[in-house]
Protein backbone atom coordinates (compact mmCIF):
# COMPACT_ATOMS: atom_id res chain seq x y z
CA MET A 1 -13.51 8.03 -15.07
CA LYS A 2 -10.00 6.86 -15.99
CA LYS A 3 -8.17 4.67 -13.50
CA SER A 4 -4.77 5.93 -12.38
CA ARG A 5 -1.71 4.06 -13.62
CA THR A 6 -0.74 3.15 -10.06
CA CYS A 7 -4.14 1.59 -9.33
CA THR A 8 -4.10 -0.26 -12.66
CA LEU A 9 -0.73 -1.77 -11.79
CA LEU A 10 -1.88 -2.60 -8.25
CA SER A 11 -4.94 -4.40 -9.63
CA ARG A 12 -2.77 -6.41 -12.03
CA VAL A 13 -0.35 -7.38 -9.25
CA ALA A 14 -3.19 -8.22 -6.86
CA SER A 15 -4.78 -10.61 -9.38
CA SER A 16 -1.47 -12.33 -10.04
CA VAL A 17 -0.68 -12.79 -6.37
CA ASN A 18 -4.22 -13.96 -5.55
CA ALA A 19 -3.67 -16.96 -7.81
CA VAL A 20 -0.81 -18.20 -5.60
CA THR A 21 -1.41 -20.42 -2.58
CA TYR A 22 1.22 -20.73 0.14
CA GLU A 23 1.40 -21.30 3.87
CA SER A 24 3.97 -19.13 5.65
CA GLY A 25 3.67 -15.39 5.96
CA ARG A 26 0.09 -15.13 4.76
CA VAL A 27 -2.12 -12.82 6.76
CA ASP A 28 -5.28 -14.92 7.11
CA GLY A 29 -8.66 -14.74 8.73
CA VAL A 30 -9.54 -11.13 8.01
CA ALA A 31 -12.72 -10.48 6.08
CA ALA A 32 -13.00 -7.44 3.86
CA CYS A 33 -16.09 -6.10 2.15
CA SER A 34 -16.88 -7.92 -1.06
CA SER A 35 -17.72 -4.80 -3.03
CA PRO A 36 -15.85 -1.51 -3.44
CA VAL A 37 -16.91 1.15 -0.99
CA VAL A 38 -15.96 4.70 -0.25
CA ALA A 39 -14.94 6.27 3.04
CA GLY A 40 -17.82 6.86 5.41
CA GLU A 41 -20.15 4.24 3.91
CA HIS A 42 -19.41 1.56 6.49
CA THR A 43 -21.13 0.73 9.71
CA ALA A 44 -19.34 -1.05 12.55
CA ARG A 45 -20.78 -4.32 11.26
CA THR A 46 -19.37 -3.93 7.75
CA GLN A 47 -16.10 -2.13 8.53
CA PRO A 48 -13.46 -3.36 6.05
CA ALA A 49 -9.99 -4.49 6.96
CA TYR A 50 -7.35 -1.85 6.32
CA TRP A 51 -3.80 -2.76 5.34
CA HIS A 52 -0.44 -0.99 5.15
CA GLY A 53 2.77 -2.33 3.61
CA GLY A 54 6.09 -0.89 4.65
CA ALA A 55 9.02 -0.97 7.05
CA PRO A 56 9.68 -4.31 8.73
CA GLY A 57 9.65 -5.03 12.43
CA LEU A 58 6.81 -2.93 13.81
CA LYS A 59 4.76 -4.59 16.54
CA VAL A 60 1.07 -4.94 17.32
CA GLY A 61 -0.11 -1.88 19.24
CA GLU A 62 2.50 0.44 17.73
CA PHE A 63 1.53 3.30 15.48
CA ILE A 64 2.35 3.95 11.86
CA LEU A 65 3.01 7.66 11.52
CA PRO A 66 3.45 9.77 8.38
CA PRO A 67 6.90 10.44 6.88
CA SER A 68 6.69 14.08 7.97
CA SER A 69 6.68 12.83 11.59
CA THR A 70 9.19 9.98 11.30
CA GLY A 71 11.61 11.53 8.82
CA THR A 72 11.78 8.37 6.70
CA THR A 73 12.76 8.80 3.06
CA ILE A 74 11.73 5.27 2.09
CA THR A 75 8.33 5.97 0.55
CA LEU A 76 6.84 5.56 -2.89
CA ALA A 77 7.19 9.33 -3.24
CA ALA A 78 10.98 8.91 -3.13
CA TYR A 79 10.61 7.44 -6.63
CA MET A 80 8.60 10.42 -7.92
CA ASP A 81 9.76 13.74 -9.26
CA GLU A 82 8.07 16.88 -7.93
CA GLY A 83 5.65 17.03 -10.88
CA GLU A 84 4.51 13.44 -10.32
CA LYS A 85 4.06 14.12 -6.60
CA ALA A 86 1.89 17.15 -7.37
CA ARG A 87 -0.22 15.25 -9.92
CA ALA A 88 -0.65 12.32 -7.53
CA GLY A 89 -1.65 14.57 -4.64
CA TYR A 90 1.03 12.97 -2.45
CA ARG A 91 1.08 14.22 1.13
CA SER A 92 4.00 13.48 3.45
CA ASP A 93 1.76 14.22 6.43
CA ARG A 94 -0.44 11.19 5.71
CA VAL A 95 -0.25 7.42 6.07
CA TYR A 96 -1.73 5.48 3.16
CA VAL A 97 -3.87 2.41 3.81
CA ALA A 98 -5.70 0.03 1.49
CA THR A 99 -8.75 -2.19 1.76
CA GLN A 100 -7.04 -4.90 -0.29
CA GLN A 101 -4.29 -6.88 1.42
CA GLU A 102 -2.59 -7.41 -1.94
CA VAL A 103 -2.07 -3.67 -2.36
CA ALA A 104 -0.22 -3.56 0.98
CA GLU A 105 1.78 -6.62 -0.11
CA LEU A 106 2.95 -4.70 -3.19
CA TYR A 107 4.28 -1.86 -1.05
CA ALA A 108 5.91 -4.31 1.36
CA ALA A 109 7.59 -6.06 -1.59
CA LEU A 110 8.94 -2.72 -2.83
CA TYR A 111 10.51 -1.93 0.54
CA PRO A 112 14.33 -2.40 0.37
CA ASN A 113 15.29 -5.87 1.65
CA GLY A 114 11.63 -6.76 2.20
CA GLY A 115 8.91 -5.15 4.22
CA TRP A 116 6.01 -6.34 6.30
CA VAL A 117 2.25 -6.25 5.86
CA TYR A 118 0.21 -4.72 8.65
CA ARG A 119 -3.49 -4.90 9.37
CA VAL A 120 -4.25 -1.49 10.85
CA GLU A 121 -6.96 0.62 12.41
CA PRO A 122 -6.66 3.99 10.70
CA TRP A 123 -7.27 7.18 12.63
CA MET A 124 -10.41 8.70 11.23
CA PRO A 125 -11.45 10.43 9.15
CA LEU A 126 -10.25 8.65 6.06
CA GLU A 127 -9.55 10.70 2.96
CA MET A 128 -9.75 9.33 -0.56
CA ASP A 129 -6.28 8.83 -2.07
CA PRO A 130 -6.34 11.29 -5.00
CA ASP A 131 -3.92 9.12 -6.99
CA CYS A 132 -6.29 6.15 -6.95
CA THR A 133 -9.49 6.60 -8.89
CA GLU A 134 -10.79 3.12 -8.06
CA PRO A 135 -13.31 3.78 -5.26
CA GLY A 136 -12.70 2.08 -1.95
CA VAL A 137 -9.14 0.84 -2.56
CA SER A 138 -6.72 3.41 -1.15
CA PHE A 139 -7.11 6.03 1.55
CA ALA A 140 -4.99 8.55 3.44
CA CYS A 141 -5.17 9.19 7.17
CA ILE A 142 -3.08 10.90 9.84
CA GLY A 143 -1.87 7.60 11.33
CA ALA A 144 -2.86 4.03 12.10
CA ARG A 145 -2.53 1.53 14.96
CA ILE A 146 -1.16 -1.91 14.08
CA VAL A 147 -3.48 -4.80 14.98
CA LYS A 148 -1.59 -7.55 13.11
CA ALA A 149 1.98 -7.64 11.77
CA VAL A 150 3.36 -10.25 9.37
CA PRO A 151 6.60 -10.35 7.38
CA LEU A 152 5.98 -10.64 3.66
CA ASP A 153 7.27 -14.07 2.68
CA ALA A 154 10.00 -14.30 0.04
CA LEU A 155 7.85 -16.17 -2.51
CA THR A 156 5.13 -13.53 -2.51
CA ALA A 157 7.66 -10.68 -2.66
CA PHE A 158 9.39 -12.37 -5.61
CA LEU A 159 6.12 -12.91 -7.51
CA ILE A 160 5.04 -9.32 -6.94
CA LEU A 161 8.36 -7.88 -8.08
CA LYS A 162 8.38 -10.22 -11.08
CA THR A 163 4.89 -9.03 -12.07
CA VAL A 164 5.98 -5.39 -11.74
CA ALA A 165 9.10 -6.06 -13.84
CA GLU A 166 7.10 -7.84 -16.54
CA ALA A 167 4.46 -5.11 -16.79
CA SER A 168 4.69 -3.06 -19.93
CA THR A 169 6.62 0.19 -19.53
CA SER A 170 3.54 2.22 -20.46
CA SER A 171 1.51 0.80 -17.56
CA VAL A 172 4.24 1.09 -14.94
CA PRO A 173 4.20 4.44 -13.16
CA ALA A 174 7.41 6.41 -13.52
CA ALA A 175 7.59 6.12 -9.74
CA LEU A 176 8.35 2.41 -10.05
CA ARG A 177 10.76 2.69 -13.00
CA SER A 178 13.54 4.93 -11.74
CA PRO A 179 14.12 5.76 -8.09
CA ALA A 180 15.03 9.35 -7.29
CA LYS A 181 18.16 9.91 -5.26
CA THR A 182 17.64 10.16 -1.50
CA ASN A 183 19.89 11.43 1.26
CA ARG A 184 20.40 7.90 2.54
CA GLY A 185 23.61 6.10 1.64
């Protein structure tokens, strides 16, 4: 099965960022499963950590809700045309979470003026993200409760954005190359 371009880029960014060691802003102490898994294959003992990268300033205990509920236009889908959204299976009534912290860091780095990384407890059931063909990496859910919130530090955000910029045009999803116009000024 062919990996989606978005997941390929995320994997490349994740490996680059994993090679960097730094102190401030790192979300530490959370164990994730060592092998890829799919939704529903976990027991309470092996439940992976779930991560979301996005808007800054949310607090532990608050909920991340889908764009259709909040009205936000700052989503990865804002960079997609309607055809790309349809092919990706994007749903504005879902929150997207990942089992790899580095994937959430990418989305936080893409947030205008810097986002935050959140460890979350997704509301079940999880649905496979149809745009990501790498099993166990990205899921959709109807919402998630924040259990840890950390600003993405400037060094990590810079390295992520640098990796995205240096990626070959053919491997960068159109969504990351040219933002679509939004109603925000």
